[in-house]
């Protein structure tokens, strides 16, 4: 369905008439879900995705696809959702008080993959389109999304490759896009009560409507289409690395941080629950095995200590890449 909307640019308060094609976005999101499932199932080679469709009480619904007990992936989920509501949930209106009480429509694809091998990192990606209709009839739209990487054992090569990919995705859209969305990711995926990041970051953006609709949609597609080859390269390097009980116990312990973030801070989780979304689909992002050990501390000089002391510290990974290149010269 093609609908003329009066789009409000949140960054510059500019109003203008333009046409947005919600059906085109929906078709892209469905095809993205399909292609991601196909590529990941082929990579895993042991387990396939199962599909579960659901309906939302206010219209729309979703498709949940999950994988478990694979050769590479212990658990994973790739969700498509398209929901409507009469009142914007508090998680969506907290930063936009002028939209409180507005009706809304939201569609997106979210992906979370938890590898079995502790040396292979967990990964999250999300892309979405959101619109809200204010009581005076004004319609506000924006895109959001991004991706981030959560290792349990750090490797500099992985961090550089991940952020090089993120930079390359952003480069066609302007010099300031990568540093802005990289910092946003570092700031967002941060556990305030632990005073530590969840992972090594990536990209995060919300309220994206400062370009024309077509360009914002193009950027969202670049994010959705661009991350998987790099993630599979990283997982492929580590999915056959030997490991034992120590590494699995540490992975389970670090999974606890993932759970804490998703249940305490993650806006997508809160929005899904507050908007009456399907609980099983929302919580498919959680890992299969988690533990909390009271006041656990890593051994000095251990790889477990290096994770938090070096890798889970926001830094300019591309500058580190340049330093390595300079040393080679």
Protein backbone atom coordinates (compact mmCIF):
# COMPACT_ATOMS: atom_id res chain seq x y z
CA UNK A 1 0.00 0.00 0.00
CA UNK A 2 1.38 3.40 -1.00
CA UNK A 3 0.30 6.12 1.40
CA UNK A 4 1.02 9.89 1.21
CA UNK A 5 2.29 10.99 4.59
CA UNK A 6 3.39 14.33 5.93
CA UNK A 7 6.81 13.33 7.24
CA UNK A 8 8.33 15.20 10.14
CA UNK A 9 12.12 15.35 10.26
CA UNK A 10 12.92 15.10 13.95
CA UNK A 11 16.40 16.53 13.44
CA UNK A 12 15.53 19.74 11.63
CA UNK A 13 11.79 20.13 12.30
CA UNK A 14 11.14 20.30 8.52
CA UNK A 15 7.73 19.28 7.19
CA UNK A 16 7.01 18.19 3.63
CA UNK A 17 4.70 15.92 1.68
CA UNK A 18 6.18 12.71 0.38
CA UNK A 19 5.05 9.21 -0.46
CA UNK A 20 6.13 6.23 1.62
CA UNK A 21 5.61 2.68 0.44
CA UNK A 22 4.92 0.55 3.50
CA UNK A 23 4.16 -2.50 1.37
CA UNK A 24 7.60 -2.27 -0.23
CA UNK A 25 9.22 -2.15 3.19
CA UNK A 26 7.17 -5.11 4.39
CA UNK A 27 8.09 -7.16 1.31
CA UNK A 28 11.76 -6.38 1.85
CA UNK A 29 11.60 -7.42 5.50
CA UNK A 30 9.94 -10.74 4.62
CA UNK A 31 12.56 -11.44 1.96
CA UNK A 32 15.33 -10.48 4.39
CA UNK A 33 14.05 -12.96 6.96
CA UNK A 34 13.90 -15.66 4.30
CA UNK A 35 17.41 -15.03 2.97
CA UNK A 36 18.97 -14.86 6.44
CA UNK A 37 17.39 -18.18 7.44
CA UNK A 38 18.55 -19.83 4.22
CA UNK A 39 22.16 -18.62 4.57
CA UNK A 40 22.45 -19.51 8.25
CA UNK A 41 20.89 -22.96 7.83
CA UNK A 42 23.29 -23.72 4.98
CA UNK A 43 26.21 -22.56 7.12
CA UNK A 44 25.13 -24.64 10.11
CA UNK A 45 24.49 -27.71 7.88
CA UNK A 46 22.94 -29.75 10.71
CA UNK A 47 19.81 -27.93 11.88
CA UNK A 48 17.09 -26.07 9.98
CA UNK A 49 14.83 -23.21 10.99
CA UNK A 50 11.30 -24.01 12.08
CA UNK A 51 8.49 -21.54 11.42
CA UNK A 52 5.71 -20.35 13.70
CA UNK A 53 3.18 -17.69 12.64
CA UNK A 54 1.14 -15.60 15.06
CA UNK A 55 -1.53 -12.88 15.02
CA UNK A 56 -1.62 -9.62 16.97
CA UNK A 57 -4.84 -8.72 18.77
CA UNK A 58 -4.98 -5.26 17.14
CA UNK A 59 -4.14 -6.42 13.64
CA UNK A 60 -1.08 -7.78 11.89
CA UNK A 61 1.15 -10.38 13.46
CA UNK A 62 4.43 -12.05 12.72
CA UNK A 63 6.53 -15.00 11.70
CA UNK A 64 9.00 -16.48 14.18
CA UNK A 65 11.75 -18.74 12.85
CA UNK A 66 14.03 -20.55 15.25
CA UNK A 67 17.01 -22.88 15.09
CA UNK A 68 18.45 -24.99 17.91
CA UNK A 69 20.98 -27.73 18.67
CA UNK A 70 22.83 -27.21 15.42
CA UNK A 71 26.42 -27.94 14.47
CA UNK A 72 27.31 -24.26 14.95
CA UNK A 73 24.32 -22.56 16.56
CA UNK A 74 23.03 -23.66 19.93
CA UNK A 75 20.04 -21.35 19.59
CA UNK A 76 18.90 -18.63 17.25
CA UNK A 77 15.83 -16.73 16.18
CA UNK A 78 14.90 -14.53 13.23
CA UNK A 79 11.59 -12.73 13.71
CA UNK A 80 9.39 -10.74 11.38
CA UNK A 81 6.66 -8.66 13.01
CA UNK A 82 4.08 -6.18 11.76
CA UNK A 83 1.84 -4.83 14.50
CA UNK A 84 -0.60 -1.98 15.08
CA UNK A 85 -1.98 -0.37 18.21
CA UNK A 86 -4.25 2.40 19.38
CA UNK A 87 -1.85 3.79 21.99
CA UNK A 88 1.91 4.08 21.69
CA UNK A 89 3.59 2.07 24.49
CA UNK A 90 5.58 3.96 27.12
CA UNK A 91 8.86 2.48 25.83
CA UNK A 92 8.30 4.19 22.46
CA UNK A 93 6.91 7.50 23.72
CA UNK A 94 9.35 8.08 26.60
CA UNK A 95 11.74 9.98 24.32
CA UNK A 96 8.89 11.49 22.28
CA UNK A 97 6.34 12.85 24.80
CA UNK A 98 4.53 14.68 22.01
CA UNK A 99 3.51 11.27 20.62
CA UNK A 100 1.97 9.95 23.85
CA UNK A 101 -1.50 8.59 23.13
CA UNK A 102 -0.87 8.25 19.40
CA UNK A 103 -1.86 5.18 17.41
CA UNK A 104 1.05 3.36 15.78
CA UNK A 105 2.21 0.85 13.20
CA UNK A 106 5.53 -0.98 13.43
CA UNK A 107 7.24 -3.58 11.26
CA UNK A 108 10.69 -5.09 11.45
CA UNK A 109 13.04 -8.05 11.42
CA UNK A 110 15.14 -8.95 14.44
CA UNK A 111 17.82 -11.61 14.59
CA UNK A 112 19.82 -13.13 17.43
CA UNK A 113 22.28 -16.02 17.05
CA UNK A 114 23.96 -17.85 19.94
CA UNK A 115 26.75 -20.18 18.74
CA UNK A 116 27.58 -23.33 20.64
CA UNK A 117 31.35 -22.77 20.72
CA UNK A 118 32.33 -20.18 23.38
CA UNK A 119 35.03 -18.82 21.07
CA UNK A 120 32.38 -17.78 18.52
CA UNK A 121 30.47 -14.59 19.37
CA UNK A 122 26.77 -13.99 19.81
CA UNK A 123 25.30 -11.53 17.31
CA UNK A 124 22.18 -9.34 17.18
CA UNK A 125 20.65 -7.41 14.28
CA UNK A 126 17.43 -5.45 13.94
CA UNK A 127 15.88 -3.24 11.26
CA UNK A 128 12.46 -1.61 11.54
CA UNK A 129 10.02 1.04 10.32
CA UNK A 130 7.77 2.84 12.77
CA UNK A 131 4.97 5.33 12.25
CA UNK A 132 2.68 7.10 14.71
CA UNK A 133 -0.50 9.09 14.06
CA UNK A 134 -1.01 11.97 16.43
CA UNK A 135 -4.45 13.03 17.62
CA UNK A 136 -4.47 15.94 15.15
CA UNK A 137 -3.88 13.50 12.27
CA UNK A 138 -0.20 14.27 11.73
CA UNK A 139 1.78 11.15 10.88
CA UNK A 140 5.39 10.77 12.01
CA UNK A 141 7.63 8.01 10.63
CA UNK A 142 11.15 6.84 11.32
CA UNK A 143 13.50 3.95 10.67
CA UNK A 144 15.69 2.26 13.25
CA UNK A 145 17.98 -0.69 13.71
CA UNK A 146 21.60 -1.78 13.73
CA UNK A 147 23.77 -4.71 14.76
CA UNK A 148 26.24 -5.56 17.51
CA UNK A 149 28.65 -8.35 18.38
CA UNK A 150 29.02 -9.98 21.80
CA UNK A 151 32.15 -12.12 22.16
CA UNK A 152 33.00 -14.28 25.16
CA UNK A 153 36.66 -14.55 24.18
CA UNK A 154 38.11 -11.55 22.40
CA UNK A 155 40.07 -11.44 19.14
CA UNK A 156 41.36 -8.17 17.75
CA UNK A 157 41.02 -9.43 14.17
CA UNK A 158 37.30 -10.00 14.71
CA UNK A 159 36.74 -6.55 16.21
CA UNK A 160 38.53 -4.78 13.38
CA UNK A 161 36.73 -6.78 10.68
CA UNK A 162 33.34 -6.15 12.31
CA UNK A 163 33.85 -2.40 12.52
CA UNK A 164 35.42 -2.18 9.06
CA UNK A 165 32.22 -3.72 7.70
CA UNK A 166 30.11 -1.23 9.70
CA UNK A 167 32.19 1.67 8.39
CA UNK A 168 31.86 0.49 4.77
CA UNK A 169 28.07 0.28 5.12
CA UNK A 170 27.89 3.86 6.39
CA UNK A 171 30.49 5.46 4.10
CA UNK A 172 28.16 6.20 1.13
CA UNK A 173 25.84 8.17 3.44
CA UNK A 174 28.34 10.69 4.73
CA UNK A 175 31.52 10.99 6.79
CA UNK A 176 29.79 11.45 10.11
CA UNK A 177 27.38 8.52 9.90
CA UNK A 178 29.67 5.72 11.12
CA UNK A 179 31.15 7.57 14.14
CA UNK A 180 27.70 8.81 15.13
CA UNK A 181 25.98 5.44 14.93
CA UNK A 182 29.01 3.61 16.35
CA UNK A 183 28.95 5.83 19.45
CA UNK A 184 25.18 5.42 19.70
CA UNK A 185 25.69 1.67 19.74
CA UNK A 186 28.41 1.86 22.41
CA UNK A 187 26.17 4.06 24.55
CA UNK A 188 23.00 2.00 24.04
CA UNK A 189 24.36 -1.50 24.67
CA UNK A 190 25.74 -0.56 28.06
CA UNK A 191 24.77 -2.19 31.36
CA UNK A 192 24.69 0.77 33.72
CA UNK A 193 24.35 -1.38 36.83
CA UNK A 194 27.46 -3.38 35.81
CA UNK A 195 29.33 -0.38 34.39
CA UNK A 196 30.33 -2.37 31.33
CA UNK A 197 29.33 -2.70 27.66
CA UNK A 198 27.45 -5.77 26.51
CA UNK A 199 29.85 -6.40 23.64
CA UNK A 200 32.16 -4.68 21.14
CA UNK A 201 29.38 -2.66 19.53
CA UNK A 202 28.66 -2.03 15.88
CA UNK A 203 25.90 0.31 14.70
CA UNK A 204 22.72 1.56 16.32
CA UNK A 205 20.29 4.16 14.99
CA UNK A 206 16.77 5.31 15.74
CA UNK A 207 14.53 8.23 14.72
CA UNK A 208 16.06 8.08 11.23
CA UNK A 209 14.03 10.42 9.03
CA UNK A 210 16.53 13.20 8.36
CA UNK A 211 16.82 12.09 4.73
CA UNK A 212 14.03 11.42 2.27
CA UNK A 213 12.06 8.25 2.90
CA UNK A 214 13.69 6.40 -0.03
CA UNK A 215 17.20 7.15 1.23
CA UNK A 216 16.37 6.16 4.80
CA UNK A 217 14.90 2.91 3.48
CA UNK A 218 18.01 2.37 1.37
CA UNK A 219 20.23 2.78 4.43
CA UNK A 220 18.11 0.34 6.40
CA UNK A 221 18.51 -2.19 3.60
CA UNK A 222 22.28 -1.65 3.55
CA UNK A 223 22.35 -2.54 7.25
CA UNK A 224 20.09 -5.57 6.84
CA UNK A 225 21.95 -6.88 3.80
CA UNK A 226 25.50 -6.05 4.78
CA UNK A 227 26.46 -7.69 8.06
CA UNK A 228 26.01 -11.45 7.53
CA UNK A 229 29.10 -12.33 5.41
CA UNK A 230 31.35 -10.71 8.04
CA UNK A 231 29.59 -12.44 10.91
CA UNK A 232 29.87 -15.84 9.22
CA UNK A 233 33.58 -15.21 8.52
CA UNK A 234 34.13 -14.54 12.22
CA UNK A 235 32.11 -17.56 13.36
CA UNK A 236 33.86 -19.77 10.81
CA UNK A 237 37.25 -18.86 12.30
CA UNK A 238 36.21 -20.04 15.76
CA UNK A 239 33.39 -22.59 15.56
CA UNK A 240 35.82 -25.53 15.48
CA UNK A 241 38.21 -24.25 18.16
CA UNK A 242 38.62 -26.86 20.93
CA UNK A 243 37.02 -25.91 24.24
CA UNK A 244 36.16 -27.51 27.56
CA UNK A 245 34.06 -27.05 30.67
CA UNK A 246 35.89 -23.87 31.70
CA UNK A 247 34.99 -22.05 28.48
CA UNK A 248 31.39 -23.26 28.54
CA UNK A 249 30.98 -22.15 32.14
CA UNK A 250 32.36 -18.72 31.30
CA UNK A 251 30.08 -18.47 28.26
CA UNK A 252 27.09 -19.30 30.46
CA UNK A 253 28.20 -16.68 32.99
CA UNK A 254 28.51 -14.03 30.28
CA UNK A 255 25.14 -15.06 28.88
CA UNK A 256 23.79 -13.69 32.15
CA UNK A 257 24.90 -10.21 31.11
CA UNK A 258 23.01 -10.65 27.85
CA UNK A 259 19.85 -11.59 29.70
CA UNK A 260 20.21 -8.67 32.10
CA UNK A 261 20.46 -6.17 29.27
CA UNK A 262 17.55 -7.57 27.30
CA UNK A 263 15.20 -7.69 30.27
CA UNK A 264 16.22 -4.43 31.94
CA UNK A 265 17.18 -2.02 29.16
CA UNK A 266 16.36 -3.27 25.67
CA UNK A 267 13.71 -1.02 24.13
CA UNK A 268 12.67 -3.64 21.59
CA UNK A 269 11.93 -6.18 24.32
CA UNK A 270 10.03 -3.61 26.38
CA UNK A 271 8.09 -2.39 23.35
CA UNK A 272 7.12 -5.93 22.38
CA UNK A 273 5.85 -6.79 25.84
CA UNK A 274 4.09 -3.44 26.37
CA UNK A 275 2.37 -3.57 22.96
CA UNK A 276 0.92 -7.03 23.54
CA UNK A 277 3.36 -8.84 21.31
CA UNK A 278 3.89 -12.58 21.43
CA UNK A 279 6.00 -13.33 24.50
CA UNK A 280 7.63 -16.49 23.14
CA UNK A 281 8.77 -14.62 20.03
CA UNK A 282 10.05 -11.64 22.02
CA UNK A 283 12.08 -13.78 24.43
CA UNK A 284 13.51 -16.06 21.74
CA UNK A 285 16.50 -13.69 21.90
CA UNK A 286 17.59 -15.17 25.23
CA UNK A 287 20.36 -17.81 25.30
CA UNK A 288 19.63 -21.45 26.09
CA UNK A 289 22.01 -21.78 29.05
CA UNK A 290 22.69 -19.04 31.60
CA UNK A 291 24.29 -18.88 35.04
CA UNK A 292 24.90 -16.27 37.72
CA UNK A 293 27.83 -16.84 40.06
CA UNK A 294 28.01 -14.66 43.15
CA UNK A 295 30.94 -12.21 43.03
CA UNK A 296 32.85 -14.27 40.47
CA UNK A 297 36.19 -12.78 39.40
CA UNK A 298 38.44 -13.93 36.53
CA UNK A 299 42.01 -14.98 37.20
CA UNK A 300 44.56 -12.20 36.71
CA UNK A 301 46.03 -12.28 33.22
CA UNK A 302 43.49 -14.80 31.94
CA UNK A 303 41.60 -14.56 28.63
CA UNK A 304 38.45 -14.13 30.70
CA UNK A 305 39.90 -11.05 32.38
CA UNK A 306 41.10 -9.64 29.07
CA UNK A 307 37.54 -9.72 27.72
CA UNK A 308 36.39 -7.00 30.11
CA UNK A 309 39.72 -5.22 30.55
CA UNK A 310 40.48 -4.78 26.84
CA UNK A 311 37.75 -5.93 24.46
CA UNK A 312 34.68 -4.64 26.29
CA UNK A 313 36.05 -1.12 26.35
CA UNK A 314 34.71 1.25 23.68
CA UNK A 315 37.56 2.08 21.36
CA UNK A 316 38.35 3.14 17.81
CA UNK A 317 38.94 -0.26 16.24
CA UNK A 318 39.65 1.26 12.83
CA UNK A 319 42.47 3.34 14.31
CA UNK A 320 43.90 0.11 15.69
CA UNK A 321 43.64 -1.35 12.20
CA UNK A 322 45.62 1.60 10.85
CA UNK A 323 48.29 1.15 13.52
CA UNK A 324 48.70 -2.49 12.50
CA UNK A 325 49.02 -1.46 8.84
CA UNK A 326 51.65 1.14 9.75
CA UNK A 327 53.68 -1.47 11.65
CA UNK A 328 53.62 -3.79 8.62
CA UNK A 329 55.03 -0.98 6.46
